[in-house]
Protein backbone atom coordinates (compact mmCIF):
# COMPACT_ATOMS: atom_id res chain seq x y z
CA MET A 1 -28.99 52.57 -53.04
CA PHE A 2 -27.56 53.13 -49.75
CA ARG A 3 -24.68 50.95 -48.66
CA ARG A 4 -23.81 50.13 -45.12
CA PRO A 5 -20.37 50.97 -44.01
CA VAL A 6 -18.13 47.96 -43.64
CA VAL A 7 -17.08 47.37 -40.08
CA VAL A 8 -13.62 45.97 -39.69
CA ARG A 9 -13.03 43.98 -36.58
CA ARG A 10 -9.69 44.11 -34.94
CA GLY A 11 -9.33 40.89 -33.02
CA PRO A 12 -11.53 38.05 -31.98
CA SER A 13 -15.18 38.49 -31.39
CA LEU A 14 -16.57 38.41 -27.89
CA LEU A 15 -17.72 34.84 -28.40
CA GLY A 16 -14.29 33.84 -29.73
CA ALA A 17 -12.54 35.43 -26.75
CA MET A 18 -14.84 33.59 -24.34
CA ALA A 19 -14.19 30.30 -26.10
CA THR A 20 -10.42 30.84 -25.94
CA THR A 21 -10.65 31.69 -22.24
CA ALA A 22 -12.69 28.56 -21.59
CA VAL A 23 -10.19 26.38 -23.43
CA VAL A 24 -7.24 27.87 -21.54
CA ALA A 25 -9.02 27.54 -18.19
CA GLY A 26 -10.06 23.97 -18.97
CA THR A 27 -6.53 23.02 -19.96
CA ALA A 28 -5.08 24.57 -16.80
CA SER A 29 -7.62 22.72 -14.72
CA ALA A 30 -6.84 19.42 -16.43
CA VAL A 31 -3.09 19.92 -15.96
CA ALA A 32 -3.54 20.78 -12.29
CA HIS A 33 -5.74 17.71 -11.78
CA SER A 34 -3.21 15.54 -13.59
CA LYS A 35 -0.40 16.82 -11.36
CA GLU A 36 -2.51 16.20 -8.25
CA GLN A 37 -3.08 12.61 -9.35
CA LYS A 38 0.61 12.15 -10.10
CA TYR A 39 1.66 13.45 -6.68
CA ALA A 40 -1.01 11.37 -4.95
CA GLN A 41 0.25 8.24 -6.71
CA GLN A 42 3.85 9.03 -5.75
CA GLU A 43 2.84 9.59 -2.13
CA ALA A 44 0.90 6.32 -2.06
CA ALA A 45 3.89 4.45 -3.50
CA ALA A 46 6.21 6.02 -0.92
CA GLN A 47 3.86 5.05 1.90
CA GLN A 48 3.66 1.50 0.58
CA ARG A 49 7.46 1.23 0.42
CA ALA A 50 7.74 2.54 3.99
CA ALA A 51 5.18 -0.01 5.18
CA GLU A 52 7.09 -2.80 3.43
CA GLN A 53 10.33 -1.66 5.06
CA GLU A 54 8.66 -1.70 8.48
CA GLU A 55 7.34 -5.22 7.86
CA LEU A 56 10.81 -6.41 6.87
CA ALA A 57 12.32 -4.85 9.97
CA GLU A 58 9.71 -6.55 12.16
CA LEU A 59 10.34 -9.92 10.49
CA ARG A 60 14.07 -9.56 10.96
CA ALA A 61 13.58 -8.67 14.62
CA GLN A 62 11.39 -11.75 15.14
CA GLN A 63 13.85 -14.16 13.55
CA PRO A 64 16.21 -15.76 16.00
CA THR A 65 19.78 -14.80 15.41
CA ALA A 66 22.10 -17.60 14.51
CA ALA A 67 24.58 -18.36 17.24
CA ALA A 68 28.15 -17.65 16.33
CA PRO A 69 30.11 -20.81 15.66
CA PRO A 70 32.26 -21.81 18.59
CA LEU A 71 35.86 -20.74 18.47
CA PRO A 72 38.39 -23.45 17.85
CA ALA A 73 40.02 -24.81 20.96
CA ALA A 74 43.17 -23.04 22.01
CA PRO A 75 46.31 -25.04 21.40
CA ALA A 76 47.87 -26.73 24.37
CA PRO A 77 50.44 -24.59 26.22
CA ALA A 78 53.81 -24.69 24.58
CA ALA A 79 56.37 -26.87 26.24
CA ARG A 80 59.37 -25.24 27.82
CA THR A 81 61.58 -26.24 24.92
CA ASP A 82 59.26 -24.42 22.52
CA ARG A 83 59.57 -21.22 24.55
CA ILE A 84 63.34 -21.47 24.59
CA GLN A 85 63.40 -21.98 20.83
CA GLN A 86 61.06 -19.01 20.34
CA LEU A 87 63.32 -16.83 22.48
CA LYS A 88 66.38 -17.94 20.49
CA ASP A 89 64.61 -17.13 17.23
CA LEU A 90 63.56 -13.78 18.63
CA ALA A 91 67.13 -12.97 19.69
CA ALA A 92 68.35 -13.88 16.20
CA LEU A 93 65.82 -11.49 14.65
CA LYS A 94 66.97 -8.71 16.97
CA GLU A 95 70.64 -9.32 16.13
CA ALA A 96 69.81 -9.29 12.42
CA GLY A 97 68.26 -5.84 12.92
CA VAL A 98 64.73 -6.93 12.00
CA LEU A 99 63.32 -6.06 15.44
CA THR A 100 63.85 -2.95 17.53
CA ASP A 101 64.60 -3.17 21.27
CA GLN A 102 60.98 -2.28 22.09
CA GLU A 103 59.57 -4.93 19.76
CA PHE A 104 62.02 -7.48 21.15
CA GLN A 105 61.02 -6.74 24.76
CA ALA A 106 57.31 -6.88 23.92
CA GLU A 107 57.58 -10.23 22.13
CA LYS A 108 59.82 -11.65 24.85
CA ALA A 109 57.24 -10.68 27.49
CA ARG A 110 54.48 -12.29 25.41
CA ILE A 111 56.42 -15.54 25.03
CA LEU A 112 57.28 -15.72 28.70
CA ALA A 113 53.66 -14.98 29.71
CA SER A 114 52.30 -17.85 27.63
């Protein structure tokens, strides 16, 4: 009897190679589609946040601003005796070395102007 020679294959068959290629291509396609969906969802969320921020800005612009509370009334002008006492206190601070000549002159001018 005549025997056929045994053929040894070295690698996948043509059909196996095609199947592997199809699986790889399908996986790559699925990953790309998944990434596209992910980026589209992120973009939609970013646009929604921007729209919400614009709405908030518009609402804030439409709201009337609360008027600042009125400032307390200024105290009545100091009597002449108060000014004299302030000047005496100021002179005492200068003599004690707490105030410089410039600070003394500035405070004295402020007291006399009031």
